[in-house]
Amino acid sequence: MNASDNGTLLFRNTMRITDGHLEEFRDAVVRAVSFVERHGPQIMVQTFVDAEHLRAHSFQLYRDSDAVRAHWKLADPYIQEVMKHCEVEQFEVFGEPDDEVAAGLRSALGEQIELTFSPRVAGFVRP
């Protein structure tokens, strides 16, 4: 990963929902997704909940590392509201973020959370 890498990035965030917080988690996610749909730089955001196992999976597609940075600046209050009701278990990055975004993810997630990076081999994004 280096400063010249600037391609599409797909994030997959796996979260464990805090016991007794399922409805609050869902409400916070709905508010957050509604906000980024109107104001965020993401190409796509989808969140799926396995209520029986209190797990959630969020997928976010970005055009590049600049879009990730823009999202972080804009959506932090919404992210914090969601995080009151869950813990990140695993975070997967598909694509190659620049060094600043990679370092930001490592810093935000800490060493206790599995963070993986999978470089792209081939693909395309429709406009």
C-alpha atoms as a PDB file:
ATOM      1  CA  MET A   1       0.000   0.000   0.000  1.00  0.00           C
ATOM      2  CA  ASN A   2       1.406   3.361  -0.938  1.00  0.00           C
ATOM      3  CA  ALA A   3       0.326   6.874  -1.766  1.00  0.00           C
ATOM      4  CA  SER A   4      -0.086   6.065  -5.470  1.00  0.00           C
ATOM      5  CA  ASP A   5      -2.727   3.381  -4.832  1.00  0.00           C
ATOM      6  CA  ASN A   6      -6.082   5.003  -5.404  1.00  0.00           C
ATOM      7  CA  GLY A   7      -8.575   2.397  -6.527  1.00  0.00           C
ATOM      8  CA  THR A   8     -11.971   1.173  -5.435  1.00  0.00           C
ATOM      9  CA  LEU A   9     -12.217  -0.079  -1.847  1.00  0.00           C
ATOM     10  CA  LEU A  10     -14.761  -2.466  -0.356  1.00  0.00           C
ATOM     11  CA  PHE A  11     -14.995  -2.685   3.433  1.00  0.00           C
ATOM     12  CA  ARG A  12     -16.665  -5.544   5.279  1.00  0.00           C
ATOM     13  CA  ASN A  13     -17.209  -4.880   8.975  1.00  0.00           C
ATOM     14  CA  THR A  14     -18.404  -7.765  11.168  1.00  0.00           C
ATOM     15  CA  MET A  15     -19.875  -6.609  14.490  1.00  0.00           C
ATOM     16  CA  ARG A  16     -21.112  -8.341  17.623  1.00  0.00           C
ATOM     17  CA  ILE A  17     -24.259  -6.581  18.840  1.00  0.00           C
ATOM     18  CA  THR A  18     -24.387  -6.022  22.582  1.00  0.00           C
ATOM     19  CA  ASP A  19     -26.945  -8.262  24.289  1.00  0.00           C
ATOM     20  CA  GLY A  20     -30.155  -6.297  24.846  1.00  0.00           C
ATOM     21  CA  HIS A  21     -29.191  -3.601  22.302  1.00  0.00           C
ATOM     22  CA  LEU A  22     -30.564  -5.076  19.073  1.00  0.00           C
ATOM     23  CA  GLU A  23     -33.287  -2.482  18.492  1.00  0.00           C
ATOM     24  CA  GLU A  24     -31.030   0.435  19.481  1.00  0.00           C
ATOM     25  CA  PHE A  25     -28.361  -0.930  17.123  1.00  0.00           C
ATOM     26  CA  ARG A  26     -30.837  -1.216  14.249  1.00  0.00           C
ATOM     27  CA  ASP A  27     -32.145   2.313  14.859  1.00  0.00           C
ATOM     28  CA  ALA A  28     -28.617   3.772  14.958  1.00  0.00           C
ATOM     29  CA  VAL A  29     -27.683   1.945  11.740  1.00  0.00           C
ATOM     30  CA  VAL A  30     -30.811   3.197   9.960  1.00  0.00           C
ATOM     31  CA  ARG A  31     -29.974   6.792  10.969  1.00  0.00           C
ATOM     32  CA  ALA A  32     -26.338   6.400   9.920  1.00  0.00           C
ATOM     33  CA  VAL A  33     -27.152   4.840   6.546  1.00  0.00           C
ATOM     34  CA  SER A  34     -29.817   7.458   5.870  1.00  0.00           C
ATOM     35  CA  PHE A  35     -27.260  10.197   6.548  1.00  0.00           C
ATOM     36  CA  VAL A  36     -24.560   8.720   4.294  1.00  0.00           C
ATOM     37  CA  GLU A  37     -27.083   8.028   1.548  1.00  0.00           C
ATOM     38  CA  ARG A  38     -27.804  11.758   1.439  1.00  0.00           C
ATOM     39  CA  HIS A  39     -24.353  13.182   2.245  1.00  0.00           C
ATOM     40  CA  GLY A  40     -21.691  10.489   2.170  1.00  0.00           C
ATOM     41  CA  PRO A  41     -19.173   9.635  -0.543  1.00  0.00           C
ATOM     42  CA  GLN A  42     -19.894   5.884  -0.587  1.00  0.00           C
ATOM     43  CA  ILE A  43     -20.981   4.232  -3.813  1.00  0.00           C
ATOM     44  CA  MET A  44     -22.871   1.605  -1.798  1.00  0.00           C
ATOM     45  CA  VAL A  45     -23.684   0.784   1.816  1.00  0.00           C
ATOM     46  CA  GLN A  46     -25.496  -2.366   2.904  1.00  0.00           C
ATOM     47  CA  THR A  47     -25.926  -3.671   6.464  1.00  0.00           C
ATOM     48  CA  PHE A  48     -27.241  -7.126   7.322  1.00  0.00           C
ATOM     49  CA  VAL A  49     -28.262  -8.343  10.796  1.00  0.00           C
ATOM     50  CA  ASP A  50     -28.329 -11.909  12.112  1.00  0.00           C
ATOM     51  CA  ALA A  51     -30.590 -11.247  15.114  1.00  0.00           C
ATOM     52  CA  GLU A  52     -30.431 -14.829  16.375  1.00  0.00           C
ATOM     53  CA  HIS A  53     -26.638 -14.679  16.772  1.00  0.00           C
ATOM     54  CA  LEU A  54     -26.427 -10.907  17.472  1.00  0.00           C
ATOM     55  CA  ARG A  55     -24.093 -10.334  14.535  1.00  0.00           C
ATOM     56  CA  ALA A  56     -24.131  -7.667  11.861  1.00  0.00           C
ATOM     57  CA  HIS A  57     -22.228  -7.298   8.610  1.00  0.00           C
ATOM     58  CA  SER A  58     -21.762  -3.929   6.959  1.00  0.00           C
ATOM     59  CA  PHE A  59     -20.423  -3.510   3.429  1.00  0.00           C
ATOM     60  CA  GLN A  60     -19.265  -0.125   2.146  1.00  0.00           C
ATOM     61  CA  LEU A  61     -17.925   0.586  -1.325  1.00  0.00           C
ATOM     62  CA  TYR A  62     -15.727   3.648  -1.921  1.00  0.00           C
ATOM     63  CA  ARG A  63     -14.257   5.071  -5.113  1.00  0.00           C
ATOM     64  CA  ASP A  64     -10.866   5.614  -3.449  1.00  0.00           C
ATOM     65  CA  SER A  65      -9.017   6.536  -0.263  1.00  0.00           C
ATOM     66  CA  ASP A  66     -10.066  10.192  -0.567  1.00  0.00           C
ATOM     67  CA  ALA A  67     -13.703   9.080  -0.267  1.00  0.00           C
ATOM     68  CA  VAL A  68     -12.881   7.107   2.902  1.00  0.00           C
ATOM     69  CA  ARG A  69     -11.285  10.210   4.465  1.00  0.00           C
ATOM     70  CA  ALA A  70     -14.316  12.310   3.512  1.00  0.00           C
ATOM     71  CA  HIS A  71     -16.605   9.719   5.122  1.00  0.00           C
ATOM     72  CA  TRP A  72     -14.593   9.740   8.350  1.00  0.00           C
ATOM     73  CA  LYS A  73     -14.873  13.529   8.645  1.00  0.00           C
ATOM     74  CA  LEU A  74     -18.587  13.621   7.881  1.00  0.00           C
ATOM     75  CA  ALA A  75     -20.017  10.614   9.634  1.00  0.00           C
ATOM     76  CA  ASP A  76     -18.075  10.289  12.899  1.00  0.00           C
ATOM     77  CA  PRO A  77     -21.051  11.195  15.151  1.00  0.00           C
ATOM     78  CA  TYR A  78     -23.183   8.536  13.438  1.00  0.00           C
ATOM     79  CA  ILE A  79     -20.423   5.937  13.696  1.00  0.00           C
ATOM     80  CA  GLN A  80     -20.056   6.658  17.407  1.00  0.00           C
ATOM     81  CA  GLU A  81     -23.804   6.209  17.924  1.00  0.00           C
ATOM     82  CA  VAL A  82     -23.733   2.793  16.225  1.00  0.00           C
ATOM     83  CA  MET A  83     -20.659   1.737  18.222  1.00  0.00           C
ATOM     84  CA  LYS A  84     -22.517   2.302  21.509  1.00  0.00           C
ATOM     85  CA  HIS A  85     -24.425  -0.889  20.689  1.00  0.00           C
ATOM     86  CA  CYS A  86     -21.776  -3.222  19.269  1.00  0.00           C
ATOM     87  CA  GLU A  87     -18.138  -4.211  19.029  1.00  0.00           C
ATOM     88  CA  VAL A  88     -16.181  -4.790  15.845  1.00  0.00           C
ATOM     89  CA  GLU A  89     -15.029  -8.400  15.589  1.00  0.00           C
ATOM     90  CA  GLN A  90     -13.435  -8.365  12.164  1.00  0.00           C
ATOM     91  CA  PHE A  91     -12.756  -5.740   9.529  1.00  0.00           C
ATOM     92  CA  GLU A  92     -11.836  -6.707   5.979  1.00  0.00           C
ATOM     93  CA  VAL A  93     -10.512  -4.321   3.347  1.00  0.00           C
ATOM     94  CA  PHE A  94     -10.741  -5.403  -0.279  1.00  0.00           C
ATOM     95  CA  GLY A  95      -8.555  -3.217  -2.467  1.00  0.00           C
ATOM     96  CA  GLU A  96      -5.506  -1.143  -1.632  1.00  0.00           C
ATOM     97  CA  PRO A  97      -6.056   1.977   0.447  1.00  0.00           C
ATOM     98  CA  ASP A  98      -3.280   4.535   0.608  1.00  0.00           C
ATOM     99  CA  ASP A  99      -0.920   4.510   3.584  1.00  0.00           C
ATOM    100  CA  GLU A 100      -2.892   7.170   5.494  1.00  0.00           C
ATOM    101  CA  VAL A 101      -6.189   5.263   5.301  1.00  0.00           C
ATOM    102  CA  ALA A 102      -4.505   1.940   6.142  1.00  0.00           C
ATOM    103  CA  ALA A 103      -2.862   3.545   9.194  1.00  0.00           C
ATOM    104  CA  GLY A 104      -6.156   5.168  10.204  1.00  0.00           C
ATOM    105  CA  LEU A 105      -7.921   1.807  10.113  1.00  0.00           C
ATOM    106  CA  ARG A 106      -5.166   0.149  12.146  1.00  0.00           C
ATOM    107  CA  SER A 107      -5.292   2.950  14.700  1.00  0.00           C
ATOM    108  CA  ALA A 108      -9.086   2.977  14.996  1.00  0.00           C
ATOM    109  CA  LEU A 109      -9.407  -0.786  15.292  1.00  0.00           C
ATOM    110  CA  GLY A 110      -6.438  -1.479  17.527  1.00  0.00           C
ATOM    111  CA  GLU A 111      -4.635  -4.779  17.796  1.00  0.00           C
ATOM    112  CA  GLN A 112      -7.509  -6.733  19.352  1.00  0.00           C
ATOM    113  CA  ILE A 113      -9.582  -6.776  16.154  1.00  0.00           C
ATOM    114  CA  GLU A 114      -8.760  -8.858  13.104  1.00  0.00           C
ATOM    115  CA  LEU A 115      -7.976  -6.495  10.222  1.00  0.00           C
ATOM    116  CA  THR A 116      -7.164  -7.950   6.824  1.00  0.00           C
ATOM    117  CA  PHE A 117      -6.218  -6.411   3.486  1.00  0.00           C
ATOM    118  CA  SER A 118      -6.837  -8.230   0.190  1.00  0.00           C
ATOM    119  CA  PRO A 119      -5.433  -6.507  -2.917  1.00  0.00           C
ATOM    120  CA  ARG A 120      -7.548  -6.468  -6.063  1.00  0.00           C
ATOM    121  CA  VAL A 121      -6.504  -8.639  -8.976  1.00  0.00           C
ATOM    122  CA  ALA A 122      -9.169  -7.548 -11.490  1.00  0.00           C
ATOM    123  CA  GLY A 123     -12.615  -6.002 -11.545  1.00  0.00           C
ATOM    124  CA  PHE A 124     -14.779  -3.043 -12.499  1.00  0.00           C
ATOM    125  CA  VAL A 125     -17.409  -0.750 -11.027  1.00  0.00           C
ATOM    126  CA  ARG A 126     -20.346   0.419 -13.074  1.00  0.00           C
ATOM    127  CA  PRO A 127     -21.113   4.146 -12.825  1.00  0.00           C
END
